[in-house]
Protein backbone atom coordinates (compact mmCIF):
# COMPACT_ATOMS: atom_id res chain seq x y z
CA MET A 1 -45.77 -41.08 30.93
CA THR A 2 -43.32 -44.13 29.78
CA ARG A 3 -45.33 -45.68 26.84
CA VAL A 4 -47.13 -48.85 27.89
CA ARG A 5 -46.06 -51.52 25.03
CA TYR A 6 -49.47 -53.50 25.82
CA GLY A 7 -51.46 -50.16 25.21
CA ALA A 8 -53.18 -49.72 22.03
CA ARG A 9 -51.12 -48.85 19.39
CA THR A 10 -52.03 -45.67 16.92
CA GLY A 11 -53.21 -45.62 13.98
CA ALA A 12 -50.20 -44.43 12.20
CA GLU A 13 -48.15 -47.71 13.86
CA THR A 14 -51.04 -50.12 12.21
CA ALA A 15 -50.57 -48.64 8.75
CA ALA A 16 -46.91 -48.75 8.78
CA ALA A 17 -46.83 -52.50 10.09
CA ARG A 18 -49.19 -53.69 7.25
CA ALA A 19 -47.28 -51.36 4.79
CA THR A 20 -44.26 -53.33 5.76
CA GLN A 21 -46.03 -56.72 5.35
CA ALA A 22 -47.05 -56.05 2.12
CA LYS A 23 -43.29 -55.19 1.16
CA LEU A 24 -41.94 -58.31 2.05
CA PRO A 25 -39.03 -59.61 -0.41
CA ASP A 26 -39.22 -62.95 -1.61
CA ILE A 27 -38.59 -65.51 0.86
CA TRP A 28 -36.77 -68.34 -0.35
CA SER A 29 -36.90 -71.84 1.43
CA THR A 30 -34.91 -75.13 0.55
CA GLY A 31 -37.31 -77.85 0.94
CA VAL A 32 -37.80 -81.75 0.41
CA VAL A 33 -41.31 -83.05 -1.01
CA ALA A 34 -41.99 -86.52 -1.26
CA VAL A 35 -45.49 -87.53 -2.83
CA TRP A 36 -46.71 -91.35 -2.70
CA GLU A 37 -49.80 -93.22 -3.34
CA SER A 38 -51.68 -94.72 -0.58
CA ASP A 39 -54.42 -96.59 0.80
CA PRO A 40 -57.76 -94.99 -0.80
CA ASP A 41 -59.80 -95.90 2.08
CA ALA A 42 -57.27 -94.42 4.23
CA VAL A 43 -57.02 -91.07 2.35
CA ALA A 44 -61.06 -91.08 2.50
CA ALA A 45 -61.48 -91.62 6.08
CA VAL A 46 -59.35 -88.52 6.92
CA LEU A 47 -61.11 -86.43 4.94
CA PRO A 48 -64.15 -83.92 6.70
CA PRO A 49 -67.14 -83.22 4.52
CA PRO A 50 -67.73 -81.18 2.16
CA LEU A 51 -64.00 -82.19 1.18
CA GLU A 52 -63.70 -85.52 -0.86
CA PRO A 53 -61.18 -87.83 -2.20
CA THR A 54 -59.67 -87.29 -5.99
CA GLY A 55 -58.90 -89.63 -8.78
CA ARG A 56 -55.77 -90.96 -6.92
CA PRO A 57 -55.01 -91.60 -2.86
CA LEU A 58 -51.98 -89.44 -2.96
CA VAL A 59 -49.92 -88.32 0.04
CA ARG A 60 -47.30 -85.27 -0.28
CA VAL A 61 -44.86 -84.41 2.65
CA ASN A 62 -43.21 -81.07 2.02
CA ILE A 63 -40.05 -80.79 4.67
CA SER A 64 -38.48 -77.09 4.56
CA LYS A 65 -36.14 -74.63 6.10
CA VAL A 66 -36.70 -70.93 5.15
CA ASP A 67 -34.67 -68.29 5.08
CA LEU A 68 -36.56 -66.00 7.30
CA PRO A 69 -35.15 -62.62 8.22
CA GLY A 70 -32.83 -62.75 11.38
CA TYR A 71 -33.05 -66.48 12.22
CA PRO A 72 -34.13 -69.66 10.19
CA LEU A 73 -37.63 -71.37 10.33
CA GLY A 74 -38.09 -74.92 10.14
CA ALA A 75 -41.51 -75.76 8.14
CA GLY A 76 -43.35 -79.01 7.03
CA SER A 77 -46.51 -79.70 6.09
CA PHE A 78 -48.33 -83.71 5.76
CA ALA A 79 -51.12 -83.21 3.04
CA VAL A 80 -53.61 -85.56 1.55
CA ALA A 81 -55.10 -85.06 -1.86
CA ALA A 82 -58.66 -83.53 -1.87
CA ALA A 83 -61.14 -81.98 -3.93
CA HIS A 84 -63.81 -79.38 -3.35
CA GLY A 85 -66.31 -77.70 -5.85
CA GLY A 86 -64.24 -78.66 -8.54
CA ILE A 87 -61.23 -77.72 -7.49
CA GLU A 88 -58.63 -80.10 -6.33
CA GLY A 89 -55.79 -79.20 -3.98
CA TRP A 90 -54.47 -80.33 -0.72
CA TYR A 91 -55.85 -81.00 2.81
CA PRO A 92 -53.06 -80.68 5.55
CA LEU A 93 -53.44 -83.28 8.81
CA VAL A 94 -50.32 -81.57 10.47
CA MET A 95 -47.95 -78.78 9.74
CA PRO A 96 -44.82 -78.81 12.16
CA MET A 97 -42.93 -75.71 12.77
CA THR A 98 -40.00 -74.89 14.75
CA HIS A 99 -40.88 -71.32 16.01
CA GLU A 100 -44.32 -69.76 17.70
CA ARG A 101 -44.14 -66.89 15.35
CA ALA A 102 -44.96 -69.04 12.18
CA LEU A 103 -47.77 -70.72 14.02
CA THR A 104 -49.93 -67.72 15.21
CA GLY A 105 -51.02 -66.01 12.03
CA GLY A 106 -51.42 -69.63 10.16
CA ARG A 107 -53.67 -70.67 12.84
CA GLU A 108 -55.32 -67.94 13.61
CA VAL A 109 -56.08 -66.25 10.47
CA PHE A 110 -55.98 -69.33 8.21
CA GLY A 111 -57.05 -72.03 10.29
CA GLU A 112 -53.97 -74.16 9.37
CA PRO A 113 -53.11 -77.07 11.59
CA LYS A 114 -49.73 -75.99 13.06
CA LYS A 115 -47.87 -77.22 15.59
CA LEU A 116 -44.79 -76.81 17.16
CA GLY A 117 -42.46 -79.31 16.23
CA GLU A 118 -38.96 -80.24 15.07
CA VAL A 119 -37.76 -80.16 11.38
CA THR A 120 -34.42 -81.84 10.20
CA ILE A 121 -32.87 -81.49 6.68
CA GLU A 122 -29.22 -82.66 6.16
CA ARG A 123 -27.13 -82.59 3.14
CA ASP A 124 -23.70 -84.36 2.69
CA GLY A 125 -22.80 -84.60 -0.84
CA PRO A 126 -25.26 -86.28 -2.54
CA ALA A 127 -26.94 -87.81 0.52
CA VAL A 128 -30.07 -86.13 1.92
CA ARG A 129 -32.19 -86.82 5.00
CA ALA A 130 -35.26 -84.97 6.18
CA CYS A 131 -37.50 -85.53 9.19
CA LEU A 132 -40.46 -84.06 10.94
CA ALA A 133 -40.39 -84.90 14.50
CA ARG A 134 -42.70 -84.08 17.53
CA HIS A 135 -42.87 -85.43 21.18
CA GLY A 136 -39.34 -87.38 20.46
CA ILE A 137 -40.68 -89.22 17.82
CA ALA A 138 -39.58 -88.98 14.30
CA PHE A 139 -42.68 -89.79 12.58
CA VAL A 140 -41.61 -88.93 9.05
CA GLU A 141 -37.96 -89.49 7.88
CA VAL A 142 -37.13 -88.60 4.17
CA ARG A 143 -33.65 -90.36 3.18
CA GLY A 144 -32.23 -90.69 -0.33
CA ALA A 145 -29.24 -89.40 -2.43
CA VAL A 146 -29.51 -86.47 -4.93
CA SER A 147 -29.24 -88.45 -8.60
CA GLY A 148 -29.61 -85.42 -10.99
CA GLU A 149 -30.87 -81.92 -11.96
CA LEU A 150 -34.49 -81.56 -13.00
CA PRO A 151 -35.63 -78.20 -15.20
CA PRO A 152 -37.19 -75.72 -12.52
CA PRO A 153 -41.25 -75.52 -13.35
CA ALA A 154 -42.83 -72.75 -14.66
CA PRO A 155 -44.43 -70.80 -11.76
CA SER A 156 -47.87 -72.48 -10.22
CA ARG A 157 -50.51 -72.38 -8.11
CA ARG A 158 -51.64 -74.56 -5.69
CA THR A 159 -54.75 -75.00 -3.56
CA ASP A 160 -54.50 -76.21 0.43
CA PHE A 161 -57.96 -76.55 2.29
CA TYR A 162 -58.29 -75.42 5.73
CA PHE A 163 -60.96 -75.41 8.42
CA LYS A 164 -61.22 -72.10 10.97
CA PHE A 165 -63.07 -72.84 14.09
CA LEU A 166 -62.69 -72.33 17.79
CA PRO A 167 -64.11 -74.64 20.00
CA ALA A 168 -67.08 -73.54 22.61
CA VAL A 169 -66.28 -72.06 25.86
CA ASP A 170 -68.74 -74.36 27.60
CA GLY A 171 -66.69 -77.10 25.92
CA SER A 172 -69.17 -78.40 23.59
CA GLY A 173 -68.67 -77.89 19.95
CA PHE A 174 -67.93 -74.53 18.43
CA ASP A 175 -68.69 -71.24 19.41
CA THR A 176 -69.55 -70.35 15.70
CA ASP A 177 -70.01 -72.20 12.83
CA PRO A 178 -66.36 -73.54 11.15
CA LEU A 179 -65.68 -71.87 8.03
CA LEU A 180 -63.76 -73.87 5.12
CA VAL A 181 -60.85 -71.93 3.72
CA HIS A 182 -59.38 -72.27 0.40
CA CYS A 183 -55.62 -71.29 0.21
CA VAL A 184 -53.92 -70.57 -3.12
CA ARG A 185 -50.26 -70.75 -2.82
CA GLY A 186 -48.14 -68.92 -5.85
CA GLU A 187 -44.71 -70.64 -6.55
CA LYS A 188 -41.50 -70.02 -8.12
CA VAL A 189 -38.66 -72.59 -8.10
CA ARG A 190 -35.17 -71.54 -8.65
CA ARG A 191 -33.74 -75.16 -8.71
CA LEU A 192 -34.87 -78.45 -8.46
CA GLU A 193 -32.98 -81.88 -8.13
CA ARG A 194 -34.40 -85.44 -8.20
CA VAL A 195 -33.71 -87.86 -4.85
CA ALA A 196 -33.66 -91.57 -5.27
CA GLY A 197 -34.54 -92.70 -1.98
CA ASP A 198 -37.46 -93.77 0.42
CA VAL A 199 -40.20 -92.54 2.91
CA ILE A 200 -40.08 -93.74 6.29
CA LEU A 201 -43.37 -93.40 8.40
CA ARG A 202 -42.86 -94.29 12.07
CA GLU A 203 -45.82 -94.81 14.56
CA SER A 204 -47.25 -91.78 17.21
CA PRO A 205 -49.66 -91.59 18.84
CA TYR A 206 -49.67 -87.96 18.70
CA ASP A 207 -49.12 -87.80 14.69
CA PRO A 208 -50.74 -91.10 13.40
CA VAL A 209 -49.36 -90.71 9.77
CA ALA A 210 -48.61 -94.30 9.54
CA ASP A 211 -52.14 -94.87 8.85
CA LEU A 212 -51.10 -93.45 5.58
CA PRO A 213 -48.59 -96.33 4.20
CA VAL A 214 -46.51 -95.74 1.20
CA ARG A 215 -48.15 -97.53 -1.20
CA ARG A 216 -46.10 -96.40 -4.80
CA LEU A 217 -43.56 -93.72 -4.33
CA VAL A 218 -44.53 -91.10 -7.22
CA GLY A 219 -41.35 -89.10 -6.74
CA ILE A 220 -38.76 -87.03 -4.23
CA THR A 221 -37.27 -83.69 -5.16
CA LEU A 222 -34.99 -81.45 -3.52
CA GLY A 223 -35.57 -77.73 -4.43
CA GLU A 224 -35.24 -74.01 -3.73
CA LYS A 225 -38.63 -71.94 -3.93
CA THR A 226 -40.50 -68.94 -2.62
CA SER A 227 -44.26 -68.85 -2.45
CA ASP A 228 -47.06 -66.53 -1.51
CA GLN A 229 -50.37 -67.09 -0.39
CA ARG A 230 -54.13 -65.68 -0.37
CA GLY A 231 -56.86 -67.25 1.80
CA THR A 232 -60.67 -67.14 1.16
CA VAL A 233 -63.87 -67.93 2.95
CA VAL A 234 -65.58 -70.32 0.53
CA GLU A 235 -68.35 -71.49 2.55
CA ARG A 236 -69.63 -72.06 6.51
CA VAL A 237 -69.71 -75.67 7.17
CA SER A 238 -71.62 -78.13 9.31
CA ALA A 239 -70.40 -78.18 12.67
CA GLU A 240 -71.97 -81.29 13.57
CA ALA A 241 -70.25 -82.99 10.22
CA LEU A 242 -66.96 -81.74 11.40
CA LEU A 243 -67.17 -82.52 15.09
CA PRO A 244 -65.74 -86.07 14.79
CA TYR A 245 -62.37 -84.81 12.88
CA VAL A 246 -61.35 -82.08 15.72
CA HIS A 247 -59.36 -84.02 16.71
CA GLN A 248 -56.67 -83.85 14.06
CA ARG A 249 -56.14 -80.48 15.27
CA TYR A 250 -54.84 -81.42 18.49
CA ASP A 251 -52.55 -83.96 20.51
CA ASP A 252 -54.35 -86.82 22.66
CA PRO A 253 -57.06 -85.48 24.82
CA GLN A 254 -55.26 -87.23 27.77
CA GLN A 255 -52.26 -85.20 27.46
CA ILE A 256 -49.97 -87.67 28.48
CA LEU A 257 -46.72 -85.68 28.51
CA ASP A 258 -47.73 -82.90 30.91
CA GLY A 259 -47.67 -85.22 34.02
CA PRO A 260 -44.97 -86.13 35.90
CA PRO A 261 -42.33 -89.10 34.79
CA GLU A 262 -43.68 -92.72 36.05
CA GLY A 263 -42.60 -93.38 39.55
CA SER A 264 -41.31 -89.57 40.31
CA ALA A 265 -42.12 -88.58 43.83
């Protein structure tokens, strides 16, 4: 019988796939990172319990092109500083990706808030422009000019916080208790440049990052880096406490763009 590709894979095929993943080479990306101080109350307002604010109301946006074998990937992250159990890290609010392949593992395995979107990085001489866009709105734009080389930092580790959950089948709450995930990333940087510029946040009902304004720009860099990641479930969290924040993961429930244009027949 001709093989049915949706059929069960053999144990050998599954083992071979795992072995291939374990031997992936370093995958390098070129990206713009901007960090700024925002409104402390606004940063605190977006953190679901048990996450807490840190000593500084920082926001970090990362806009990258990743050199994946076969095709490039546009990847973005908009995150606020957060702390849990004495560990400081970042809580991403939205992570636009340009391919579905990048969404699946991050959302289903780690609970990352990934969504399909547009990611742009352009460089013309010293001029740099990077954008995150969804639904036709460039809700984050970083623009400026390279102003000099920086020494690459030593390899470092960074913690991101995610909530992994499944909405209930009956539409009320969750199927099981949500999980808080600590995702630790090891990063290596081979090139880093300073960028003199600014960050523009545009109004979007789907990605309302404009509520976290730039009060004081800490810095903008353009760099080349590679990273790995390992996630750990650290605790089950209160469904009642997390439910008021679930809308962060999804677009406007009215799904305006799913309907026909106004005035169409």
